[in-house]
Amino acid sequence: MLKLITEKVGSPFNESGRRAMFGLVDEENKEILTFVDLKRISEQLKFNLTDEELQEVINNVAGFGKKEITWDQFNKYIAKKVDKK
């Protein structure tokens, strides 16, 4: 999903870019991303991810069994992913 979002949104290589990415999904400024948020953005961007794939995104970013992703979790996850490149 990261690759798909960055192709549509912009640079994940700095915190302001990651904040913009997060804000795109967090339309209500809750500072968390829920399954519903991810499903909505996935449909809007025509990624066609299954419910299982969306839950896997949450599990990978926030931890197994979690229901939401915080800004800090998102920021750390994306920063770690782009540092590997």
Protein backbone atom coordinates (compact mmCIF):
# COMPACT_ATOMS: atom_id res chain seq x y z
CA MET A 1 0.00 0.00 0.00
CA LEU A 2 2.91 2.36 0.75
CA LYS A 3 4.11 2.24 -2.84
CA LEU A 4 0.63 2.88 -4.16
CA ILE A 5 0.08 5.89 -1.87
CA THR A 6 3.45 7.48 -2.57
CA GLU A 7 2.85 7.23 -6.30
CA LYS A 8 -0.36 9.24 -5.84
CA VAL A 9 0.58 11.61 -2.99
CA GLY A 10 4.25 12.50 -2.84
CA SER A 11 7.46 12.09 -0.89
CA PRO A 12 7.57 10.01 2.27
CA PHE A 13 11.21 10.95 2.83
CA ASN A 14 10.51 13.77 5.28
CA GLU A 15 8.10 14.27 8.13
CA SER A 16 6.09 16.97 6.39
CA GLY A 17 5.47 14.64 3.45
CA ARG A 18 4.44 11.84 5.79
CA ARG A 19 2.15 14.26 7.66
CA ALA A 20 0.50 15.18 4.34
CA MET A 21 0.01 11.49 3.54
CA PHE A 22 -1.51 10.87 6.98
CA GLY A 23 -3.78 13.90 6.65
CA LEU A 24 -5.08 12.66 3.32
CA VAL A 25 -6.44 9.57 5.04
CA ASP A 26 -7.37 11.25 8.35
CA GLU A 27 -10.03 13.58 6.95
CA GLU A 28 -11.60 14.18 10.36
CA ASN A 29 -8.28 15.14 12.04
CA LYS A 30 -8.68 12.42 14.67
CA GLU A 31 -4.92 11.71 14.70
CA ILE A 32 -5.72 8.03 14.13
CA LEU A 33 -6.41 5.95 11.05
CA THR A 34 -9.12 3.34 11.32
CA PHE A 35 -10.04 0.42 9.09
CA VAL A 36 -12.89 2.56 7.72
CA ASP A 37 -10.43 5.36 6.85
CA LEU A 38 -8.14 2.94 5.02
CA LYS A 39 -11.05 1.33 3.20
CA ARG A 40 -12.34 4.73 2.04
CA ILE A 41 -8.97 5.92 0.72
CA SER A 42 -8.31 2.54 -0.88
CA GLU A 43 -11.58 2.82 -2.78
CA GLN A 44 -11.04 6.47 -3.68
CA LEU A 45 -7.60 5.74 -5.10
CA LYS A 46 -8.90 2.58 -6.80
CA PHE A 47 -6.44 0.27 -5.04
CA ASN A 48 -9.15 -2.38 -4.61
CA LEU A 49 -7.59 -3.85 -1.45
CA THR A 50 -9.54 -6.58 0.30
CA ASP A 51 -10.63 -6.29 3.92
CA GLU A 52 -7.94 -8.81 4.82
CA GLU A 53 -5.26 -6.74 3.08
CA LEU A 54 -6.42 -3.58 4.87
CA GLN A 55 -6.30 -5.36 8.24
CA GLU A 56 -2.82 -6.59 7.36
CA VAL A 57 -1.78 -2.96 6.82
CA ILE A 58 -3.02 -2.10 10.32
CA ASN A 59 -1.30 -5.17 11.79
CA ASN A 60 2.00 -4.29 10.09
CA VAL A 61 1.96 -0.67 11.20
CA ALA A 62 0.29 -0.76 14.64
CA GLY A 63 0.72 -4.37 15.70
CA PHE A 64 -1.29 -7.56 15.45
CA GLY A 65 -4.87 -7.25 16.60
CA LYS A 66 -4.90 -3.45 16.70
CA LYS A 67 -7.89 -1.58 15.31
CA GLU A 68 -6.25 1.74 14.43
CA ILE A 69 -2.97 3.42 13.51
CA THR A 70 -1.75 6.48 15.39
CA TRP A 71 0.25 9.30 13.78
CA ASP A 72 3.38 8.22 15.67
CA GLN A 73 3.04 4.60 14.52
CA PHE A 74 2.45 5.72 10.93
CA ASN A 75 5.37 8.15 10.97
CA LYS A 76 7.81 5.62 12.43
CA TYR A 77 6.69 2.86 10.06
CA ILE A 78 6.97 4.97 6.92
CA ALA A 79 10.30 6.49 8.03
CA LYS A 80 11.70 3.00 8.63
CA LYS A 81 10.47 1.78 5.23
CA VAL A 82 12.00 4.66 3.28
CA ASP A 83 15.29 4.42 5.21
CA LYS A 84 15.72 0.87 3.82
CA LYS A 85 15.81 2.20 0.25
